[in-house]
């Protein structure tokens, strides 16, 4: 089980910050392993999926300052747990956070989400975009 990125803080704490931390948990041993290579782009509210031993992470948002959402990501990155390395993939057409993602038949489907950062009432700009990244293409 892997925990990748997210926010450090707690509910309703305005100074929570994004993290690029990657942690691995072994349920058979009930033990956390050593920290892995951090995400190249620390962010939260991402979509993710797994394919052929890699973990793919897309989109997300980043916070600067006291509770201000300043950036929405187009980034798509892959983590290989065997090599403990990240690689960059072609970015999404639209930056989004809070999107849904799944990998079916080697294709990473990235659906919907917010295209603007903000996080407050009335600031969401939703999209119905559906992008597909073919992971089988070499």
Protein backbone atom coordinates (compact mmCIF):
# COMPACT_ATOMS: atom_id res chain seq x y z
CA UNK A 1 0.00 0.00 0.00
CA UNK A 2 1.40 3.40 -0.97
CA UNK A 3 0.54 6.86 0.33
CA UNK A 4 1.58 9.50 -2.21
CA UNK A 5 1.44 13.27 -1.73
CA UNK A 6 -1.51 15.04 -0.17
CA UNK A 7 -1.68 17.71 2.51
CA UNK A 8 0.05 17.98 5.87
CA UNK A 9 -2.29 19.44 8.45
CA UNK A 10 -5.81 18.72 9.63
CA UNK A 11 -9.38 19.66 8.83
CA UNK A 12 -10.06 23.39 9.02
CA UNK A 13 -6.39 24.28 9.54
CA UNK A 14 -5.69 27.06 7.06
CA UNK A 15 -1.95 26.55 6.92
CA UNK A 16 -1.99 22.94 5.69
CA UNK A 17 0.67 22.46 3.01
CA UNK A 18 1.11 19.97 0.19
CA UNK A 19 3.68 17.24 0.51
CA UNK A 20 5.54 15.07 -1.96
CA UNK A 21 6.16 12.32 0.61
CA UNK A 22 5.83 8.73 -0.62
CA UNK A 23 5.30 6.06 2.03
CA UNK A 24 4.96 2.28 1.75
CA UNK A 25 3.00 0.07 4.15
CA UNK A 26 3.30 -3.72 4.31
CA UNK A 27 0.05 -5.11 5.78
CA UNK A 28 1.51 -8.63 6.14
CA UNK A 29 4.16 -7.26 8.52
CA UNK A 30 1.96 -4.42 9.83
CA UNK A 31 4.94 -2.16 9.21
CA UNK A 32 5.79 1.07 7.41
CA UNK A 33 8.93 1.01 5.27
CA UNK A 34 11.53 3.71 4.67
CA UNK A 35 10.43 6.84 2.83
CA UNK A 36 10.56 6.53 -0.95
CA UNK A 37 11.65 9.09 -3.57
CA UNK A 38 9.39 12.17 -3.20
CA UNK A 39 6.94 13.27 -5.89
CA UNK A 40 8.52 15.68 -8.39
CA UNK A 41 5.45 17.95 -8.04
CA UNK A 42 4.06 17.89 -4.47
CA UNK A 43 0.29 18.20 -4.73
CA UNK A 44 -3.09 17.08 -3.42
CA UNK A 45 -6.50 16.17 -4.90
CA UNK A 46 -4.94 13.98 -7.61
CA UNK A 47 -6.20 11.04 -9.66
CA UNK A 48 -4.18 7.85 -9.68
CA UNK A 49 -4.07 4.30 -10.98
CA UNK A 50 -1.71 1.34 -11.27
CA UNK A 51 -0.46 -0.48 -14.35
CA UNK A 52 2.34 -3.01 -14.84
CA UNK A 53 3.90 -2.32 -11.44
CA UNK A 54 3.86 1.48 -11.68
CA UNK A 55 1.67 4.03 -9.92
CA UNK A 56 0.40 6.86 -12.14
CA UNK A 57 -0.59 10.21 -10.61
CA UNK A 58 -2.34 13.02 -12.52
CA UNK A 59 -3.52 16.56 -11.85
CA UNK A 60 -3.92 18.07 -8.41
CA UNK A 61 -3.57 21.43 -6.75
CA UNK A 62 -0.97 23.29 -4.73
CA UNK A 63 -1.40 25.73 -1.86
CA UNK A 64 0.71 28.79 -1.16
CA UNK A 65 0.45 30.96 1.93
CA UNK A 66 -2.35 31.01 4.47
CA UNK A 67 -5.07 28.92 2.85
CA UNK A 68 -4.80 30.26 -0.69
CA UNK A 69 -5.10 27.78 -3.56
CA UNK A 70 -2.83 29.14 -6.25
CA UNK A 71 -2.12 26.44 -8.80
CA UNK A 72 -3.85 23.58 -10.58
CA UNK A 73 -1.67 20.92 -12.25
CA UNK A 74 -1.61 19.35 -15.73
CA UNK A 75 1.22 17.01 -14.67
CA UNK A 76 1.11 13.24 -15.12
CA UNK A 77 3.88 11.33 -13.35
CA UNK A 78 4.66 7.64 -12.83
CA UNK A 79 6.33 6.09 -9.79
CA UNK A 80 8.16 2.77 -10.12
CA UNK A 81 8.40 1.18 -6.65
CA UNK A 82 11.02 -1.35 -7.83
CA UNK A 83 13.49 1.35 -8.92
CA UNK A 84 12.24 4.05 -6.51
CA UNK A 85 12.16 6.54 -9.41
CA UNK A 86 9.63 8.92 -10.91
CA UNK A 87 9.16 9.66 -14.59
CA UNK A 88 7.23 12.44 -16.31
CA UNK A 89 4.56 11.66 -18.90
CA UNK A 90 2.82 14.00 -21.34
CA UNK A 91 0.66 16.47 -19.39
CA UNK A 92 -3.12 16.62 -19.53
CA UNK A 93 -4.64 19.20 -21.88
CA UNK A 94 -6.44 20.90 -19.00
CA UNK A 95 -5.10 21.48 -15.47
CA UNK A 96 -7.48 19.84 -12.98
CA UNK A 97 -7.82 18.81 -9.36
CA UNK A 98 -10.45 16.67 -7.67
CA UNK A 99 -10.70 14.59 -10.83
CA UNK A 100 -11.43 10.88 -11.14
CA UNK A 101 -8.98 8.45 -12.67
CA UNK A 102 -8.76 4.77 -13.48
CA UNK A 103 -6.69 2.52 -15.72
CA UNK A 104 -8.57 0.14 -18.01
CA UNK A 105 -6.84 -2.03 -20.62
CA UNK A 106 -3.64 0.01 -20.34
CA UNK A 107 -5.37 3.37 -20.78
CA UNK A 108 -5.37 5.99 -18.00
CA UNK A 109 -8.80 7.64 -18.05
CA UNK A 110 -8.89 11.11 -16.44
CA UNK A 111 -12.41 12.43 -15.96
CA UNK A 112 -13.98 15.69 -14.78
CA UNK A 113 -12.56 17.80 -11.92
CA UNK A 114 -12.08 21.50 -11.19
CA UNK A 115 -9.97 23.50 -13.63
CA UNK A 116 -9.46 26.47 -11.29
CA UNK A 117 -7.94 26.58 -7.84
CA UNK A 118 -9.76 28.32 -5.09
CA UNK A 119 -11.41 25.83 -2.80
CA UNK A 120 -13.99 28.27 -1.48
CA UNK A 121 -17.73 28.48 -2.11
CA UNK A 122 -18.56 29.74 -5.58
CA UNK A 123 -15.03 29.39 -6.93
CA UNK A 124 -15.26 25.93 -8.50
CA UNK A 125 -15.02 25.73 -12.28
CA UNK A 126 -15.97 22.16 -13.16
CA UNK A 127 -15.25 20.42 -16.43
CA UNK A 128 -16.68 17.29 -18.01
CA UNK A 129 -13.40 16.63 -19.86
CA UNK A 130 -12.40 13.00 -20.39
CA UNK A 131 -8.79 12.51 -21.43
CA UNK A 132 -7.15 9.15 -22.12
CA UNK A 133 -3.42 8.46 -21.84
CA UNK A 134 -2.38 5.24 -23.60
CA UNK A 135 0.15 3.54 -21.33
CA UNK A 136 0.72 0.69 -23.78
CA UNK A 137 2.33 2.99 -26.39
CA UNK A 138 6.10 2.71 -26.25
